[in-house]
Amino acid sequence: MRLYSRIIGDGKPLIILHGLFGMSDNWVSIGNTLAEHGYRVHLIDLRNHGKSPHAESHRYPDMCEDLLKYFEQQNLESASIIGHSMGGKVGMVFGLLEPERISKLIIVDIAPSDYGSAQNNYHHDIIRTLHQIDLASHKSRGTIRKDLAKRLGDQSLAMFLAKSIGREKKSQSFVWKFNLPVLEKFLQHIYIGLEELSIYAPCPVQTLFVKGNNSSYYLDEHESDRHFFFPESSVVGIDNAGHWLHSDQPELFIETVVRFLC
C-alpha cells in the first residue's frame, strides 16, 4: 500500500501520524511550524483515512507495515515520529517492531494500555451518528457540519469530522473520506494494549509522552505500562488542553516537541 503524504520543509525527517477519523490536513499548521524549526515534515494519511487507500483491515501490524513501506519509498533510513491517539499507538508498535528506524518518538495523549469499553463506547456513539447522517440529502458541507453538531452536541467534534467530507468522483455526491465500515469493524482492535508485543519490550527509543492535563486518555494508572514498554521515556502534561492538545495549546505543544527533538 502506498500511503498519501504531504511533505513540508527541509532538514531532519519527522513523520506525523494522525488519530482516528483524522488525516494529514489536521496537522498542517503544526507541520508548517516544525518545518520552520529545521525539519522535513511528512504528514501521512494512515490507511482508511484521508487520501490514502482503503483496505479490508485496520490492524496495527498492517499500519506498521504500511509505514515501513513508506520509509522505503521515501528512502528514509530513520526518522523521528509524532503520533496522536491511534497514530500514537501506531508509533508505539512501530517502535517495538522497528526501533532502529526511529530517532526519537513522541506519543500524544495515549498510553500503551488497553482502553477497554469506555473509549470504545464513545467512538461507537460517533460511528452511530455518522451512519445516521444522510449525506445524499445535503447540498453543502456546511449543512452536514450543522447536522453533525446538532446530533453530537459538540461543535468542535463536528468541525473535526466535517473535514473528512469528500466527493465521489463520478456522481460528485458527498462521502466520508475515512472507511467507516472497516473502522467500525476494527474499533475494538484500535483500543487494545500492547501486551501481545511484550516479547519485543523494552523499546530502546528515547520517547516522550505528551498529555493534555484536561484529558482522560493518559492517567496515573497507565504509568506501569509506560515504564514496562518504554523505560527510556518521560511524561509532560500541558495545562488547559484536552485530547487535541496540539489544537488547544499549539504554542506550548510546539515548544515541548522542539525541546525534546533537539
Protein backbone atom coordinates (compact mmCIF):
# COMPACT_ATOMS: atom_id res chain seq x y z
CA MET A 1 0.00 0.00 0.00
CA ARG A 2 1.28 3.46 -0.88
CA LEU A 3 0.25 5.99 1.75
CA TYR A 4 -0.62 9.55 0.80
CA SER A 5 1.52 12.25 2.41
CA ARG A 6 2.25 15.92 2.14
CA ILE A 7 5.86 16.90 2.79
CA ILE A 8 6.84 20.29 4.18
CA GLY A 9 10.27 21.84 4.62
CA ASP A 10 13.83 20.56 4.55
CA GLY A 11 16.02 19.12 7.25
CA LYS A 12 15.83 16.16 9.60
CA PRO A 13 12.94 13.81 8.75
CA LEU A 14 9.92 13.97 11.05
CA ILE A 15 6.76 11.90 10.49
CA ILE A 16 3.39 12.86 11.99
CA LEU A 17 0.63 10.25 12.39
CA HIS A 18 -2.95 11.43 12.98
CA GLY A 19 -5.62 9.85 15.15
CA LEU A 20 -8.87 8.00 14.47
CA PHE A 21 -11.15 9.81 11.96
CA GLY A 22 -8.35 12.30 11.31
CA MET A 23 -5.98 12.94 8.42
CA SER A 24 -2.85 14.84 7.49
CA ASP A 25 -4.82 18.08 6.98
CA ASN A 26 -5.37 18.28 10.75
CA TRP A 27 -1.63 18.77 11.27
CA VAL A 28 -0.71 21.24 8.52
CA SER A 29 -0.34 24.22 10.86
CA ILE A 30 1.85 22.25 13.29
CA GLY A 31 3.80 20.80 10.35
CA ASN A 32 4.50 24.25 8.91
CA THR A 33 5.81 25.49 12.25
CA LEU A 34 8.02 22.43 12.78
CA ALA A 35 9.39 22.86 9.24
CA GLU A 36 10.46 26.38 10.25
CA HIS A 37 12.48 24.75 13.04
CA GLY A 38 14.52 22.78 10.52
CA TYR A 39 12.55 19.60 9.92
CA ARG A 40 11.34 17.89 6.77
CA VAL A 41 7.85 17.04 7.95
CA HIS A 42 5.94 14.11 6.48
CA LEU A 43 2.20 14.44 7.19
CA ILE A 44 0.79 11.00 6.48
CA ASP A 45 -2.75 9.76 5.92
CA LEU A 46 -2.94 6.32 7.52
CA ARG A 47 -4.82 3.56 5.67
CA ASN A 48 -8.60 4.00 5.58
CA HIS A 49 -8.23 7.75 6.20
CA GLY A 50 -7.87 10.89 4.10
CA LYS A 51 -6.42 10.31 0.65
CA SER A 52 -4.71 7.00 1.44
CA PRO A 53 -6.16 3.76 0.04
CA HIS A 54 -8.96 1.91 1.78
CA ALA A 55 -8.26 -1.65 2.91
CA GLU A 56 -10.16 -4.60 4.36
CA SER A 57 -8.31 -4.46 7.67
CA HIS A 58 -7.24 -1.82 10.16
CA ARG A 59 -4.80 -3.54 12.48
CA TYR A 60 -1.68 -2.03 14.00
CA PRO A 61 0.68 -4.58 12.38
CA ASP A 62 -0.85 -3.68 9.00
CA MET A 63 -0.41 0.04 9.61
CA CYS A 64 3.19 -0.53 10.71
CA GLU A 65 3.85 -2.49 7.52
CA ASP A 66 2.42 0.47 5.56
CA LEU A 67 4.72 2.79 7.47
CA LEU A 68 7.79 0.63 6.85
CA LYS A 69 6.99 0.65 3.12
CA TYR A 70 6.68 4.44 3.32
CA PHE A 71 10.19 4.64 4.80
CA GLU A 72 11.47 2.56 1.89
CA GLN A 73 9.57 4.59 -0.72
CA GLN A 74 10.95 7.84 0.70
CA ASN A 75 14.47 6.42 1.16
CA LEU A 76 14.36 7.11 4.89
CA GLU A 77 16.83 5.15 6.97
CA SER A 78 15.34 6.63 10.13
CA ALA A 79 13.07 9.46 11.27
CA SER A 80 11.53 10.90 14.38
CA ILE A 81 7.83 10.17 14.78
CA ILE A 82 4.97 12.08 16.39
CA GLY A 83 1.78 10.07 16.81
CA HIS A 84 -1.53 11.30 18.21
CA SER A 85 -4.04 8.91 19.80
CA MET A 86 -4.46 5.99 17.34
CA GLY A 87 -1.42 7.34 15.47
CA GLY A 88 0.43 7.24 18.78
CA LYS A 89 -0.38 3.53 19.11
CA VAL A 90 0.97 3.02 15.58
CA GLY A 91 4.14 4.84 16.64
CA MET A 92 4.49 2.71 19.77
CA VAL A 93 4.02 -0.58 17.91
CA PHE A 94 6.45 0.58 15.21
CA GLY A 95 8.92 1.49 17.95
CA LEU A 96 8.76 -2.03 19.34
CA LEU A 97 8.97 -3.76 15.96
CA GLU A 98 11.37 -1.41 14.14
CA PRO A 99 13.29 0.57 16.80
CA GLU A 100 16.32 1.14 14.56
CA ARG A 101 14.09 3.17 12.23
CA ILE A 102 13.16 5.76 14.87
CA SER A 103 15.42 8.59 16.02
CA LYS A 104 13.02 9.88 18.68
CA LEU A 105 9.40 9.08 19.42
CA ILE A 106 6.68 11.45 20.66
CA ILE A 107 3.36 9.95 21.76
CA VAL A 108 0.50 12.42 22.08
CA ASP A 109 -2.23 11.74 24.65
CA ILE A 110 -2.36 7.95 24.53
CA ALA A 111 -0.75 5.15 26.55
CA PRO A 112 0.44 1.62 25.68
CA SER A 113 -2.58 0.29 27.58
CA ASP A 114 -5.86 -1.45 26.84
CA TYR A 115 -8.62 1.17 26.91
CA GLY A 116 -11.47 -1.29 27.27
CA SER A 117 -15.10 -0.28 26.81
CA ALA A 118 -15.10 3.40 27.82
CA GLN A 119 -13.45 4.84 24.70
CA ASN A 120 -14.97 2.06 22.60
CA ASN A 121 -18.48 3.19 23.59
CA TYR A 122 -17.58 6.81 22.91
CA HIS A 123 -16.49 6.09 19.37
CA HIS A 124 -19.35 3.68 18.76
CA ASP A 125 -21.64 6.62 19.52
CA ILE A 126 -19.77 8.73 16.96
CA ILE A 127 -19.99 5.96 14.36
CA ARG A 128 -23.70 5.53 15.01
CA THR A 129 -24.19 9.27 14.46
CA LEU A 130 -22.17 9.18 11.24
CA HIS A 131 -24.38 6.37 9.96
CA GLN A 132 -27.46 8.47 10.74
CA ILE A 133 -26.28 11.36 8.52
CA ASP A 134 -27.94 11.15 5.10
CA LEU A 135 -25.15 12.66 3.02
CA ALA A 136 -27.23 12.49 -0.18
CA SER A 137 -29.82 14.87 1.29
CA HIS A 138 -27.28 17.64 1.85
CA LYS A 139 -26.27 20.31 -0.63
CA SER A 140 -23.17 21.59 1.18
CA ARG A 141 -20.53 20.64 3.70
CA GLY A 142 -21.85 23.38 5.95
CA THR A 143 -25.25 21.76 6.37
CA ILE A 144 -23.59 18.39 7.10
CA ARG A 145 -21.47 20.04 9.77
CA LYS A 146 -24.56 21.63 11.34
CA ASP A 147 -26.37 18.29 11.27
CA LEU A 148 -23.39 16.63 12.99
CA ALA A 149 -23.16 19.36 15.62
CA LYS A 150 -26.87 19.04 16.44
CA ARG A 151 -26.74 15.26 16.76
CA LEU A 152 -23.43 15.14 18.65
CA GLY A 153 -23.96 18.22 20.82
CA ASP A 154 -20.31 19.12 20.21
CA GLN A 155 -19.41 21.87 17.74
CA SER A 156 -15.65 21.20 17.83
CA LEU A 157 -16.06 17.49 17.20
CA ALA A 158 -18.47 18.22 14.35
CA MET A 159 -15.94 20.57 12.74
CA PHE A 160 -13.21 17.94 13.11
CA LEU A 161 -15.31 15.21 11.49
CA ALA A 162 -16.57 17.51 8.75
CA LYS A 163 -13.01 17.93 7.49
CA SER A 164 -13.26 14.34 6.24
CA ILE A 165 -16.18 15.06 3.92
CA GLY A 166 -15.24 14.39 0.31
CA ARG A 167 -17.00 13.89 -3.01
CA GLU A 168 -17.43 10.72 -5.03
CA LYS A 169 -15.56 11.17 -8.33
CA LYS A 170 -18.32 10.21 -10.77
CA SER A 171 -21.50 11.38 -9.06
CA GLN A 172 -19.90 14.19 -7.04
CA SER A 173 -22.10 13.16 -4.12
CA PHE A 174 -20.75 13.64 -0.61
CA VAL A 175 -18.87 10.75 1.01
CA TRP A 176 -16.74 10.21 4.08
CA LYS A 177 -13.05 10.09 3.28
CA PHE A 178 -12.46 7.56 6.03
CA ASN A 179 -13.53 3.95 5.55
CA LEU A 180 -16.35 3.92 8.09
CA PRO A 181 -17.39 0.22 7.78
CA VAL A 182 -13.83 -1.05 8.28
CA LEU A 183 -13.08 1.35 11.14
CA GLU A 184 -16.27 0.20 12.83
CA LYS A 185 -15.33 -3.45 12.33
CA PHE A 186 -11.85 -2.99 13.83
CA LEU A 187 -12.78 -0.48 16.55
CA GLN A 188 -12.13 -2.98 19.34
CA HIS A 189 -8.65 -3.64 17.95
CA ILE A 190 -7.85 0.08 17.92
CA TYR A 191 -8.17 0.16 21.73
CA ILE A 192 -6.04 -2.86 22.55
CA GLY A 193 -2.94 -2.61 24.70
CA LEU A 194 0.50 -3.80 23.67
CA GLU A 195 0.51 -7.00 25.75
CA GLU A 196 0.87 -9.26 22.71
CA LEU A 197 4.09 -7.41 21.85
CA SER A 198 5.67 -7.92 25.28
CA ILE A 199 8.36 -10.13 23.74
CA TYR A 200 9.66 -7.05 21.88
CA ALA A 201 9.88 -4.94 25.04
CA PRO A 202 11.52 -2.85 26.17
CA CYS A 203 11.68 -0.31 23.37
CA PRO A 204 15.13 1.35 23.43
CA VAL A 205 13.99 4.52 21.66
CA GLN A 206 14.08 7.79 23.58
CA THR A 207 10.38 8.60 23.94
CA LEU A 208 8.27 11.50 25.19
CA PHE A 209 4.63 11.11 26.19
CA VAL A 210 2.76 14.43 25.96
CA LYS A 211 -0.66 14.53 27.59
CA GLY A 212 -3.41 17.09 27.90
CA ASN A 213 -3.99 17.75 31.57
CA ASN A 214 -7.74 18.06 30.91
CA SER A 215 -7.82 14.75 29.05
CA SER A 216 -8.67 11.31 30.44
CA TYR A 217 -6.62 9.42 27.84
CA TYR A 218 -3.40 9.34 29.89
CA LEU A 219 -3.83 8.73 33.61
CA ASP A 220 -1.69 7.63 36.56
CA GLU A 221 -2.95 4.07 36.07
CA HIS A 222 -1.14 3.95 32.71
CA GLU A 223 2.29 4.62 34.19
CA SER A 224 3.21 0.97 34.80
CA ASP A 225 2.64 0.12 31.13
CA ARG A 226 4.75 3.07 30.04
CA HIS A 227 7.64 2.02 32.28
CA PHE A 228 7.45 -1.58 31.06
CA PHE A 229 7.32 -0.91 27.32
CA PHE A 230 9.19 2.43 27.14
CA PRO A 231 11.66 2.71 30.03
CA GLU A 232 13.61 5.39 28.14
CA SER A 233 10.64 7.74 28.36
CA SER A 234 9.21 10.69 30.26
CA VAL A 235 5.82 12.40 30.50
CA VAL A 236 4.93 16.06 30.08
CA GLY A 237 1.48 17.46 30.77
CA ILE A 238 0.10 20.59 29.11
CA ASP A 239 -2.37 22.70 31.10
CA ASN A 240 -5.67 23.90 29.67
CA ALA A 241 -5.53 21.22 27.00
CA GLY A 242 -7.65 18.18 26.26
CA HIS A 243 -7.17 15.25 23.91
CA TRP A 244 -6.50 17.54 20.94
CA LEU A 245 -3.80 19.41 22.84
CA HIS A 246 -1.95 20.37 19.65
CA SER A 247 -5.04 22.40 18.71
CA ASP A 248 -5.84 23.62 22.24
CA GLN A 249 -2.31 24.83 23.06
CA PRO A 250 -0.31 24.82 19.80
CA GLU A 251 2.50 27.09 21.02
CA LEU A 252 3.13 25.06 24.18
CA PHE A 253 2.89 21.86 22.17
CA ILE A 254 5.46 23.06 19.62
CA GLU A 255 7.76 24.26 22.39
CA THR A 256 7.56 20.88 24.13
CA VAL A 257 8.18 18.94 20.92
CA VAL A 258 11.11 21.05 19.71
CA ARG A 259 12.80 20.95 23.12
CA PHE A 260 12.66 17.15 23.11
CA LEU A 261 13.75 16.68 19.50
CA CYS A 262 16.77 18.98 19.73
